[in-house]
ModelCIF file with pLDDT and N, C-alpha, C, O atoms, coordinates in Angstrom:
data_MODEL
#
_entry.id   MODEL 
#
_entity.id                         1 
_entity.type                       polymer 
_entity.pdbx_number_of_molecules   1 
#
_entity_poly.entity_id                      1 
_entity_poly.type                           'polypeptide(L)' 
_entity_poly.nstd_linkage                   no 
_entity_poly.nstd_monomer                   no 
_entity_poly.pdbx_seq_one_letter_code       
;(UNK)(UNK)(UNK)(UNK)(UNK)(UNK)(UNK)(UNK)(UNK)(UNK)(UNK)(UNK)(UNK)(UNK)(UNK)(UNK)
(UNK)(UNK)(UNK)(UNK)(UNK)(UNK)(UNK)(UNK)(UNK)(UNK)(UNK)(UNK)(UNK)(UNK)(UNK)(UNK)
(UNK)(UNK)(UNK)(UNK)(UNK)(UNK)(UNK)(UNK)
;
_entity_poly.pdbx_seq_one_letter_code_can   XXXXXXXXXXXXXXXXXXXXXXXXXXXXXXXXXXXXXXXX 
_entity_poly.pdbx_strand_id                 A 
#
loop_
_entity_poly_seq.entity_id 
_entity_poly_seq.num 
_entity_poly_seq.mon_id 
_entity_poly_seq.hetero 
1 1  UNK n 
1 2  UNK n 
1 3  UNK n 
1 4  UNK n 
1 5  UNK n 
1 6  UNK n 
1 7  UNK n 
1 8  UNK n 
1 9  UNK n 
1 10 UNK n 
1 11 UNK n 
1 12 UNK n 
1 13 UNK n 
1 14 UNK n 
1 15 UNK n 
1 16 UNK n 
1 17 UNK n 
1 18 UNK n 
1 19 UNK n 
1 20 UNK n 
1 21 UNK n 
1 22 UNK n 
1 23 UNK n 
1 24 UNK n 
1 25 UNK n 
1 26 UNK n 
1 27 UNK n 
1 28 UNK n 
1 29 UNK n 
1 30 UNK n 
1 31 UNK n 
1 32 UNK n 
1 33 UNK n 
1 34 UNK n 
1 35 UNK n 
1 36 UNK n 
1 37 UNK n 
1 38 UNK n 
1 39 UNK n 
1 40 UNK n 
#
_struct_asym.id          A 
_struct_asym.entity_id   1 
#
loop_
_ma_qa_metric.id 
_ma_qa_metric.mode 
_ma_qa_metric.name 
_ma_qa_metric.software_group_id 
_ma_qa_metric.type 
1 global pLDDT . pLDDT 
2 local  pLDDT . pLDDT 
#
_ma_qa_metric_global.metric_id      1 
_ma_qa_metric_global.metric_value   78.67 
_ma_qa_metric_global.model_id       1 
_ma_qa_metric_global.ordinal_id     1 
#
loop_
_ma_qa_metric_local.label_asym_id 
_ma_qa_metric_local.label_comp_id 
_ma_qa_metric_local.label_seq_id 
_ma_qa_metric_local.metric_id 
_ma_qa_metric_local.metric_value 
_ma_qa_metric_local.model_id 
_ma_qa_metric_local.ordinal_id 
A UNK 1  2 89.00 1 1  
A UNK 2  2 88.00 1 2  
A UNK 3  2 84.00 1 3  
A UNK 4  2 73.00 1 4  
A UNK 5  2 58.00 1 5  
A UNK 6  2 60.00 1 6  
A UNK 7  2 63.00 1 7  
A UNK 8  2 81.00 1 8  
A UNK 9  2 84.00 1 9  
A UNK 10 2 86.00 1 10 
A UNK 11 2 85.00 1 11 
A UNK 12 2 85.00 1 12 
A UNK 13 2 84.00 1 13 
A UNK 14 2 85.00 1 14 
A UNK 15 2 86.00 1 15 
A UNK 16 2 87.00 1 16 
A UNK 17 2 82.00 1 17 
A UNK 18 2 76.00 1 18 
A UNK 19 2 73.00 1 19 
A UNK 20 2 65.00 1 20 
A UNK 21 2 53.00 1 21 
A UNK 22 2 52.00 1 22 
A UNK 23 2 56.00 1 23 
A UNK 24 2 61.00 1 24 
A UNK 25 2 65.00 1 25 
A UNK 26 2 71.00 1 26 
A UNK 27 2 69.00 1 27 
A UNK 28 2 76.00 1 28 
A UNK 29 2 74.00 1 29 
A UNK 30 2 80.00 1 30 
A UNK 31 2 83.00 1 31 
A UNK 32 2 88.00 1 32 
A UNK 33 2 91.00 1 33 
A UNK 34 2 93.00 1 34 
A UNK 35 2 93.00 1 35 
A UNK 36 2 93.00 1 36 
A UNK 37 2 93.00 1 37 
A UNK 38 2 94.00 1 38 
A UNK 39 2 94.00 1 39 
A UNK 40 2 94.00 1 40 
#
loop_
_atom_site.group_PDB 
_atom_site.id 
_atom_site.type_symbol 
_atom_site.label_atom_id 
_atom_site.label_alt_id 
_atom_site.label_comp_id 
_atom_site.label_asym_id 
_atom_site.label_entity_id 
_atom_site.label_seq_id 
_atom_site.pdbx_PDB_ins_code 
_atom_site.Cartn_x 
_atom_site.Cartn_y 
_atom_site.Cartn_z 
_atom_site.occupancy 
_atom_site.B_iso_or_equiv 
_atom_site.pdbx_formal_charge 
_atom_site.auth_seq_id 
_atom_site.auth_comp_id 
_atom_site.auth_asym_id 
_atom_site.auth_atom_id 
_atom_site.pdbx_PDB_model_num 
ATOM 1   N N  . UNK A 1 1  ? -3.339 3.447   3.598   1.00 89.00 ? 1  UNK A N  1 
ATOM 2   C CA . UNK A 1 1  ? -3.373 2.019   3.891   1.00 89.00 ? 1  UNK A CA 1 
ATOM 3   C C  . UNK A 1 1  ? -3.792 1.785   5.330   1.00 89.00 ? 1  UNK A C  1 
ATOM 4   O O  . UNK A 1 1  ? -3.451 2.561   6.223   1.00 89.00 ? 1  UNK A O  1 
ATOM 5   N N  . UNK A 1 2  ? -4.524 0.722   5.545   1.00 88.00 ? 2  UNK A N  1 
ATOM 6   C CA . UNK A 1 2  ? -4.883 0.310   6.900   1.00 88.00 ? 2  UNK A CA 1 
ATOM 7   C C  . UNK A 1 2  ? -4.134 -0.972  7.216   1.00 88.00 ? 2  UNK A C  1 
ATOM 8   O O  . UNK A 1 2  ? -3.899 -1.803  6.339   1.00 88.00 ? 2  UNK A O  1 
ATOM 9   N N  . UNK A 1 3  ? -3.763 -1.124  8.484   1.00 84.00 ? 3  UNK A N  1 
ATOM 10  C CA . UNK A 1 3  ? -2.912 -2.239  8.866   1.00 84.00 ? 3  UNK A CA 1 
ATOM 11  C C  . UNK A 1 3  ? -3.587 -3.245  9.756   1.00 84.00 ? 3  UNK A C  1 
ATOM 12  O O  . UNK A 1 3  ? -4.569 -2.950  10.437  1.00 84.00 ? 3  UNK A O  1 
ATOM 13  N N  . UNK A 1 4  ? -3.043 -4.433  9.734   1.00 73.00 ? 4  UNK A N  1 
ATOM 14  C CA . UNK A 1 4  ? -3.473 -5.512  10.624  1.00 73.00 ? 4  UNK A CA 1 
ATOM 15  C C  . UNK A 1 4  ? -2.204 -6.130  11.196  1.00 73.00 ? 4  UNK A C  1 
ATOM 16  O O  . UNK A 1 4  ? -1.566 -6.978  10.573  1.00 73.00 ? 4  UNK A O  1 
ATOM 17  N N  . UNK A 1 5  ? -1.852 -5.674  12.422  1.00 58.00 ? 5  UNK A N  1 
ATOM 18  C CA . UNK A 1 5  ? -0.606 -6.142  13.038  1.00 58.00 ? 5  UNK A CA 1 
ATOM 19  C C  . UNK A 1 5  ? -0.624 -7.653  13.222  1.00 58.00 ? 5  UNK A C  1 
ATOM 20  O O  . UNK A 1 5  ? 0.391  -8.318  13.015  1.00 58.00 ? 5  UNK A O  1 
ATOM 21  N N  . UNK A 1 6  ? -1.773 -8.198  13.611  1.00 60.00 ? 6  UNK A N  1 
ATOM 22  C CA . UNK A 1 6  ? -1.861 -9.639  13.837  1.00 60.00 ? 6  UNK A CA 1 
ATOM 23  C C  . UNK A 1 6  ? -1.604 -10.429 12.551  1.00 60.00 ? 6  UNK A C  1 
ATOM 24  O O  . UNK A 1 6  ? -1.074 -11.539 12.604  1.00 60.00 ? 6  UNK A O  1 
ATOM 25  N N  . UNK A 1 7  ? -1.974 -9.867  11.403  1.00 63.00 ? 7  UNK A N  1 
ATOM 26  C CA . UNK A 1 7  ? -1.799 -10.567 10.127  1.00 63.00 ? 7  UNK A CA 1 
ATOM 27  C C  . UNK A 1 7  ? -0.507 -10.169 9.416   1.00 63.00 ? 7  UNK A C  1 
ATOM 28  O O  . UNK A 1 7  ? -0.225 -10.653 8.320   1.00 63.00 ? 7  UNK A O  1 
ATOM 29  N N  . UNK A 1 8  ? 0.291  -9.270  10.049  1.00 81.00 ? 8  UNK A N  1 
ATOM 30  C CA . UNK A 1 8  ? 1.535  -8.792  9.447   1.00 81.00 ? 8  UNK A CA 1 
ATOM 31  C C  . UNK A 1 8  ? 1.299  -8.244  8.047   1.00 81.00 ? 8  UNK A C  1 
ATOM 32  O O  . UNK A 1 8  ? 2.068  -8.540  7.132   1.00 81.00 ? 8  UNK A O  1 
ATOM 33  N N  . UNK A 1 9  ? 0.245  -7.447  7.863   1.00 84.00 ? 9  UNK A N  1 
ATOM 34  C CA . UNK A 1 9  ? -0.031 -6.928  6.529   1.00 84.00 ? 9  UNK A CA 1 
ATOM 35  C C  . UNK A 1 9  ? -0.763 -5.603  6.618   1.00 84.00 ? 9  UNK A C  1 
ATOM 36  O O  . UNK A 1 9  ? -1.444 -5.298  7.598   1.00 84.00 ? 9  UNK A O  1 
ATOM 37  N N  . UNK A 1 10 ? -0.599 -4.828  5.559   1.00 86.00 ? 10 UNK A N  1 
ATOM 38  C CA . UNK A 1 10 ? -1.432 -3.643  5.382   1.00 86.00 ? 10 UNK A CA 1 
ATOM 39  C C  . UNK A 1 10 ? -2.157 -3.782  4.055   1.00 86.00 ? 10 UNK A C  1 
ATOM 40  O O  . UNK A 1 10 ? -1.724 -4.512  3.163   1.00 86.00 ? 10 UNK A O  1 
ATOM 41  N N  . UNK A 1 11 ? -3.271 -3.066  3.944   1.00 85.00 ? 11 UNK A N  1 
ATOM 42  C CA . UNK A 1 11 ? -4.074 -3.082  2.724   1.00 85.00 ? 11 UNK A CA 1 
ATOM 43  C C  . UNK A 1 11 ? -4.238 -1.653  2.232   1.00 85.00 ? 11 UNK A C  1 
ATOM 44  O O  . UNK A 1 11 ? -4.612 -0.768  3.001   1.00 85.00 ? 11 UNK A O  1 
ATOM 45  N N  . UNK A 1 12 ? -3.959 -1.428  0.962   1.00 85.00 ? 12 UNK A N  1 
ATOM 46  C CA . UNK A 1 12 ? -4.157 -0.111  0.380   1.00 85.00 ? 12 UNK A CA 1 
ATOM 47  C C  . UNK A 1 12 ? -5.643 0.082   0.089   1.00 85.00 ? 12 UNK A C  1 
ATOM 48  O O  . UNK A 1 12 ? -6.250 -0.700  -0.643  1.00 85.00 ? 12 UNK A O  1 
ATOM 49  N N  . UNK A 1 13 ? -6.218 1.128   0.669   1.00 84.00 ? 13 UNK A N  1 
ATOM 50  C CA . UNK A 1 13 ? -7.664 1.324   0.541   1.00 84.00 ? 13 UNK A CA 1 
ATOM 51  C C  . UNK A 1 13 ? -8.026 2.552   -0.289  1.00 84.00 ? 13 UNK A C  1 
ATOM 52  O O  . UNK A 1 13 ? -9.192 2.733   -0.640  1.00 84.00 ? 13 UNK A O  1 
ATOM 53  N N  . UNK A 1 14 ? -7.049 3.395   -0.609  1.00 85.00 ? 14 UNK A N  1 
ATOM 54  C CA . UNK A 1 14 ? -7.313 4.557   -1.461  1.00 85.00 ? 14 UNK A CA 1 
ATOM 55  C C  . UNK A 1 14 ? -6.008 4.968   -2.120  1.00 85.00 ? 14 UNK A C  1 
ATOM 56  O O  . UNK A 1 14 ? -4.933 4.782   -1.550  1.00 85.00 ? 14 UNK A O  1 
ATOM 57  N N  . UNK A 1 15 ? -6.101 5.529   -3.328  1.00 86.00 ? 15 UNK A N  1 
ATOM 58  C CA . UNK A 1 15 ? -4.902 5.918   -4.071  1.00 86.00 ? 15 UNK A CA 1 
ATOM 59  C C  . UNK A 1 15 ? -5.214 7.115   -4.955  1.00 86.00 ? 15 UNK A C  1 
ATOM 60  O O  . UNK A 1 15 ? -6.286 7.198   -5.555  1.00 86.00 ? 15 UNK A O  1 
ATOM 61  N N  . UNK A 1 16 ? -4.267 8.040   -5.028  1.00 87.00 ? 16 UNK A N  1 
ATOM 62  C CA . UNK A 1 16 ? -4.282 9.130   -6.011  1.00 87.00 ? 16 UNK A CA 1 
ATOM 63  C C  . UNK A 1 16 ? -2.976 9.011   -6.781  1.00 87.00 ? 16 UNK A C  1 
ATOM 64  O O  . UNK A 1 16 ? -1.901 9.225   -6.220  1.00 87.00 ? 16 UNK A O  1 
ATOM 65  N N  . UNK A 1 17 ? -3.062 8.675   -8.051  1.00 82.00 ? 17 UNK A N  1 
ATOM 66  C CA . UNK A 1 17 ? -1.853 8.412   -8.822  1.00 82.00 ? 17 UNK A CA 1 
ATOM 67  C C  . UNK A 1 17 ? -1.184 9.706   -9.290  1.00 82.00 ? 17 UNK A C  1 
ATOM 68  O O  . UNK A 1 17 ? -1.846 10.702  -9.583  1.00 82.00 ? 17 UNK A O  1 
ATOM 69  N N  . UNK A 1 18 ? 0.130  9.659   -9.350  1.00 76.00 ? 18 UNK A N  1 
ATOM 70  C CA . UNK A 1 18 ? 0.919  10.768  -9.869  1.00 76.00 ? 18 UNK A CA 1 
ATOM 71  C C  . UNK A 1 18 ? 0.614  10.962  -11.353 1.00 76.00 ? 18 UNK A C  1 
ATOM 72  O O  . UNK A 1 18 ? 0.234  10.027  -12.058 1.00 76.00 ? 18 UNK A O  1 
ATOM 73  N N  . UNK A 1 19 ? 0.792  12.200  -11.802 1.00 73.00 ? 19 UNK A N  1 
ATOM 74  C CA . UNK A 1 19 ? 0.622  12.492  -13.223 1.00 73.00 ? 19 UNK A CA 1 
ATOM 75  C C  . UNK A 1 19 ? 1.906  12.268  -14.007 1.00 73.00 ? 19 UNK A C  1 
ATOM 76  O O  . UNK A 1 19 ? 1.915  12.385  -15.233 1.00 73.00 ? 19 UNK A O  1 
ATOM 77  N N  . UNK A 1 20 ? 2.995  11.945  -13.305 1.00 65.00 ? 20 UNK A N  1 
ATOM 78  C CA . UNK A 1 20 ? 4.246  11.662  -13.994 1.00 65.00 ? 20 UNK A CA 1 
ATOM 79  C C  . UNK A 1 20 ? 4.113  10.429  -14.871 1.00 65.00 ? 20 UNK A C  1 
ATOM 80  O O  . UNK A 1 20 ? 3.436  9.466   -14.511 1.00 65.00 ? 20 UNK A O  1 
ATOM 81  N N  . UNK A 1 21 ? 4.764  10.470  -16.022 1.00 53.00 ? 21 UNK A N  1 
ATOM 82  C CA . UNK A 1 21 ? 4.713  9.314   -16.923 1.00 53.00 ? 21 UNK A CA 1 
ATOM 83  C C  . UNK A 1 21 ? 5.314  8.086   -16.246 1.00 53.00 ? 21 UNK A C  1 
ATOM 84  O O  . UNK A 1 21 ? 4.799  6.977   -16.385 1.00 53.00 ? 21 UNK A O  1 
ATOM 85  N N  . UNK A 1 22 ? 6.420  8.293   -15.507 1.00 52.00 ? 22 UNK A N  1 
ATOM 86  C CA . UNK A 1 22 ? 7.027  7.211   -14.734 1.00 52.00 ? 22 UNK A CA 1 
ATOM 87  C C  . UNK A 1 22 ? 6.595  7.397   -13.290 1.00 52.00 ? 22 UNK A C  1 
ATOM 88  O O  . UNK A 1 22 ? 6.957  8.389   -12.657 1.00 52.00 ? 22 UNK A O  1 
ATOM 89  N N  . UNK A 1 23 ? 5.837  6.470   -12.773 1.00 56.00 ? 23 UNK A N  1 
ATOM 90  C CA . UNK A 1 23 ? 5.281  6.618   -11.438 1.00 56.00 ? 23 UNK A CA 1 
ATOM 91  C C  . UNK A 1 23 ? 5.112  5.259   -10.786 1.00 56.00 ? 23 UNK A C  1 
ATOM 92  O O  . UNK A 1 23 ? 5.117  4.218   -11.443 1.00 56.00 ? 23 UNK A O  1 
ATOM 93  N N  . UNK A 1 24 ? 4.961  5.307   -9.460  1.00 61.00 ? 24 UNK A N  1 
ATOM 94  C CA . UNK A 1 24 ? 4.663  4.094   -8.699  1.00 61.00 ? 24 UNK A CA 1 
ATOM 95  C C  . UNK A 1 24 ? 3.172  3.805   -8.831  1.00 61.00 ? 24 UNK A C  1 
ATOM 96  O O  . UNK A 1 24 ? 2.346  4.706   -8.685  1.00 61.00 ? 24 UNK A O  1 
ATOM 97  N N  . UNK A 1 25 ? 2.831  2.558   -9.105  1.00 65.00 ? 25 UNK A N  1 
ATOM 98  C CA . UNK A 1 25 ? 1.425  2.204   -9.283  1.00 65.00 ? 25 UNK A CA 1 
ATOM 99  C C  . UNK A 1 25 ? 1.043  1.053   -8.360  1.00 65.00 ? 25 UNK A C  1 
ATOM 100 O O  . UNK A 1 25 ? 1.771  0.069   -8.233  1.00 65.00 ? 25 UNK A O  1 
ATOM 101 N N  . UNK A 1 26 ? -0.112 1.198   -7.721  1.00 71.00 ? 26 UNK A N  1 
ATOM 102 C CA . UNK A 1 26 ? -0.633 0.156   -6.839  1.00 71.00 ? 26 UNK A CA 1 
ATOM 103 C C  . UNK A 1 26 ? -2.145 0.179   -6.943  1.00 71.00 ? 26 UNK A C  1 
ATOM 104 O O  . UNK A 1 26 ? -2.729 1.227   -7.219  1.00 71.00 ? 26 UNK A O  1 
ATOM 105 N N  . UNK A 1 27 ? -2.783 -0.953  -6.727  1.00 69.00 ? 27 UNK A N  1 
ATOM 106 C CA . UNK A 1 27 ? -4.233 -1.042  -6.832  1.00 69.00 ? 27 UNK A CA 1 
ATOM 107 C C  . UNK A 1 27 ? -4.867 -1.074  -5.451  1.00 69.00 ? 27 UNK A C  1 
ATOM 108 O O  . UNK A 1 27 ? -4.311 -1.639  -4.509  1.00 69.00 ? 27 UNK A O  1 
ATOM 109 N N  . UNK A 1 28 ? -6.041 -0.457  -5.344  1.00 76.00 ? 28 UNK A N  1 
ATOM 110 C CA . UNK A 1 28 ? -6.808 -0.547  -4.102  1.00 76.00 ? 28 UNK A CA 1 
ATOM 111 C C  . UNK A 1 28 ? -7.107 -2.021  -3.837  1.00 76.00 ? 28 UNK A C  1 
ATOM 112 O O  . UNK A 1 28 ? -7.549 -2.751  -4.724  1.00 76.00 ? 28 UNK A O  1 
ATOM 113 N N  . UNK A 1 29 ? -6.857 -2.439  -2.602  1.00 74.00 ? 29 UNK A N  1 
ATOM 114 C CA . UNK A 1 29 ? -7.051 -3.839  -2.235  1.00 74.00 ? 29 UNK A CA 1 
ATOM 115 C C  . UNK A 1 29 ? -5.771 -4.639  -2.176  1.00 74.00 ? 29 UNK A C  1 
ATOM 116 O O  . UNK A 1 29 ? -5.744 -5.727  -1.602  1.00 74.00 ? 29 UNK A O  1 
ATOM 117 N N  . UNK A 1 30 ? -4.687 -4.103  -2.776  1.00 80.00 ? 30 UNK A N  1 
ATOM 118 C CA . UNK A 1 30 ? -3.396 -4.797  -2.691  1.00 80.00 ? 30 UNK A CA 1 
ATOM 119 C C  . UNK A 1 30 ? -2.922 -4.844  -1.239  1.00 80.00 ? 30 UNK A C  1 
ATOM 120 O O  . UNK A 1 30 ? -3.143 -3.907  -0.472  1.00 80.00 ? 30 UNK A O  1 
ATOM 121 N N  . UNK A 1 31 ? -2.264 -5.955  -0.871  1.00 83.00 ? 31 UNK A N  1 
ATOM 122 C CA . UNK A 1 31 ? -1.750 -6.122  0.484   1.00 83.00 ? 31 UNK A CA 1 
ATOM 123 C C  . UNK A 1 31 ? -0.231 -6.274  0.434   1.00 83.00 ? 31 UNK A C  1 
ATOM 124 O O  . UNK A 1 31 ? 0.326  -6.842  -0.506  1.00 83.00 ? 31 UNK A O  1 
ATOM 125 N N  . UNK A 1 32 ? 0.415  -5.756  1.463   1.00 88.00 ? 32 UNK A N  1 
ATOM 126 C CA . UNK A 1 32 ? 1.865  -5.843  1.567   1.00 88.00 ? 32 UNK A CA 1 
ATOM 127 C C  . UNK A 1 32 ? 2.243  -6.133  3.019   1.00 88.00 ? 32 UNK A C  1 
ATOM 128 O O  . UNK A 1 32 ? 1.481  -5.815  3.931   1.00 88.00 ? 32 UNK A O  1 
ATOM 129 N N  . UNK A 1 33 ? 3.423  -6.738  3.241   1.00 91.00 ? 33 UNK A N  1 
ATOM 130 C CA . UNK A 1 33 ? 3.876  -6.970  4.622   1.00 91.00 ? 33 UNK A CA 1 
ATOM 131 C C  . UNK A 1 33 ? 4.146  -5.657  5.350   1.00 91.00 ? 33 UNK A C  1 
ATOM 132 O O  . UNK A 1 33 ? 4.476  -4.650  4.725   1.00 91.00 ? 33 UNK A O  1 
ATOM 133 N N  . UNK A 1 34 ? 4.005  -5.674  6.659   1.00 93.00 ? 34 UNK A N  1 
ATOM 134 C CA . UNK A 1 34 ? 4.282  -4.473  7.448   1.00 93.00 ? 34 UNK A CA 1 
ATOM 135 C C  . UNK A 1 34 ? 5.776  -4.177  7.548   1.00 93.00 ? 34 UNK A C  1 
ATOM 136 O O  . UNK A 1 34 ? 6.184  -3.019  7.459   1.00 93.00 ? 34 UNK A O  1 
ATOM 137 N N  . UNK A 1 35 ? 6.592  -5.208  7.730   1.00 93.00 ? 35 UNK A N  1 
ATOM 138 C CA . UNK A 1 35 ? 7.984  -4.993  8.131   1.00 93.00 ? 35 UNK A CA 1 
ATOM 139 C C  . UNK A 1 35 ? 8.824  -4.300  7.065   1.00 93.00 ? 35 UNK A C  1 
ATOM 140 O O  . UNK A 1 35 ? 9.822  -3.657  7.393   1.00 93.00 ? 35 UNK A O  1 
ATOM 141 N N  . UNK A 1 36 ? 8.437  -4.419  5.788   1.00 93.00 ? 36 UNK A N  1 
ATOM 142 C CA . UNK A 1 36 ? 9.289  -3.902  4.717   1.00 93.00 ? 36 UNK A CA 1 
ATOM 143 C C  . UNK A 1 36 ? 8.653  -2.751  3.945   1.00 93.00 ? 36 UNK A C  1 
ATOM 144 O O  . UNK A 1 36 ? 9.191  -2.334  2.919   1.00 93.00 ? 36 UNK A O  1 
ATOM 145 N N  . UNK A 1 37 ? 7.530  -2.232  4.412   1.00 93.00 ? 37 UNK A N  1 
ATOM 146 C CA . UNK A 1 37 ? 6.874  -1.114  3.743   1.00 93.00 ? 37 UNK A CA 1 
ATOM 147 C C  . UNK A 1 37 ? 6.905  0.115   4.636   1.00 93.00 ? 37 UNK A C  1 
ATOM 148 O O  . UNK A 1 37 ? 6.903  0.009   5.862   1.00 93.00 ? 37 UNK A O  1 
ATOM 149 N N  . UNK A 1 38 ? 6.934  1.283   4.003   1.00 94.00 ? 38 UNK A N  1 
ATOM 150 C CA . UNK A 1 38 ? 6.931  2.520   4.779   1.00 94.00 ? 38 UNK A CA 1 
ATOM 151 C C  . UNK A 1 38 ? 5.649  2.632   5.593   1.00 94.00 ? 38 UNK A C  1 
ATOM 152 O O  . UNK A 1 38 ? 5.685  3.008   6.765   1.00 94.00 ? 38 UNK A O  1 
ATOM 153 N N  . UNK A 1 39 ? 4.515  2.306   4.973   1.00 94.00 ? 39 UNK A N  1 
ATOM 154 C CA . UNK A 1 39 ? 3.246  2.363   5.694   1.00 94.00 ? 39 UNK A CA 1 
ATOM 155 C C  . UNK A 1 39 ? 3.204  1.420   6.873   1.00 94.00 ? 39 UNK A C  1 
ATOM 156 O O  . UNK A 1 39 ? 2.732  1.783   7.950   1.00 94.00 ? 39 UNK A O  1 
ATOM 157 N N  . UNK A 1 40 ? 3.698  0.207   6.673   1.00 94.00 ? 40 UNK A N  1 
ATOM 158 C CA . UNK A 1 40 ? 3.709  -0.771  7.756   1.00 94.00 ? 40 UNK A CA 1 
ATOM 159 C C  . UNK A 1 40 ? 4.591  -0.339  8.909   1.00 94.00 ? 40 UNK A C  1 
ATOM 160 O O  . UNK A 1 40 ? 4.706  -1.058  9.901   1.00 94.00 ? 40 UNK A O  1 
#
């Protein structure tokens, strides 16, 4: 993910999904706040 501190957000730009049947899923281009995400 790349971040934009001024916009208080990060954007996921690449993903490799787990092969586990139960897994975390996110789409390239999704944005999340910085303060509550590990990446942020």
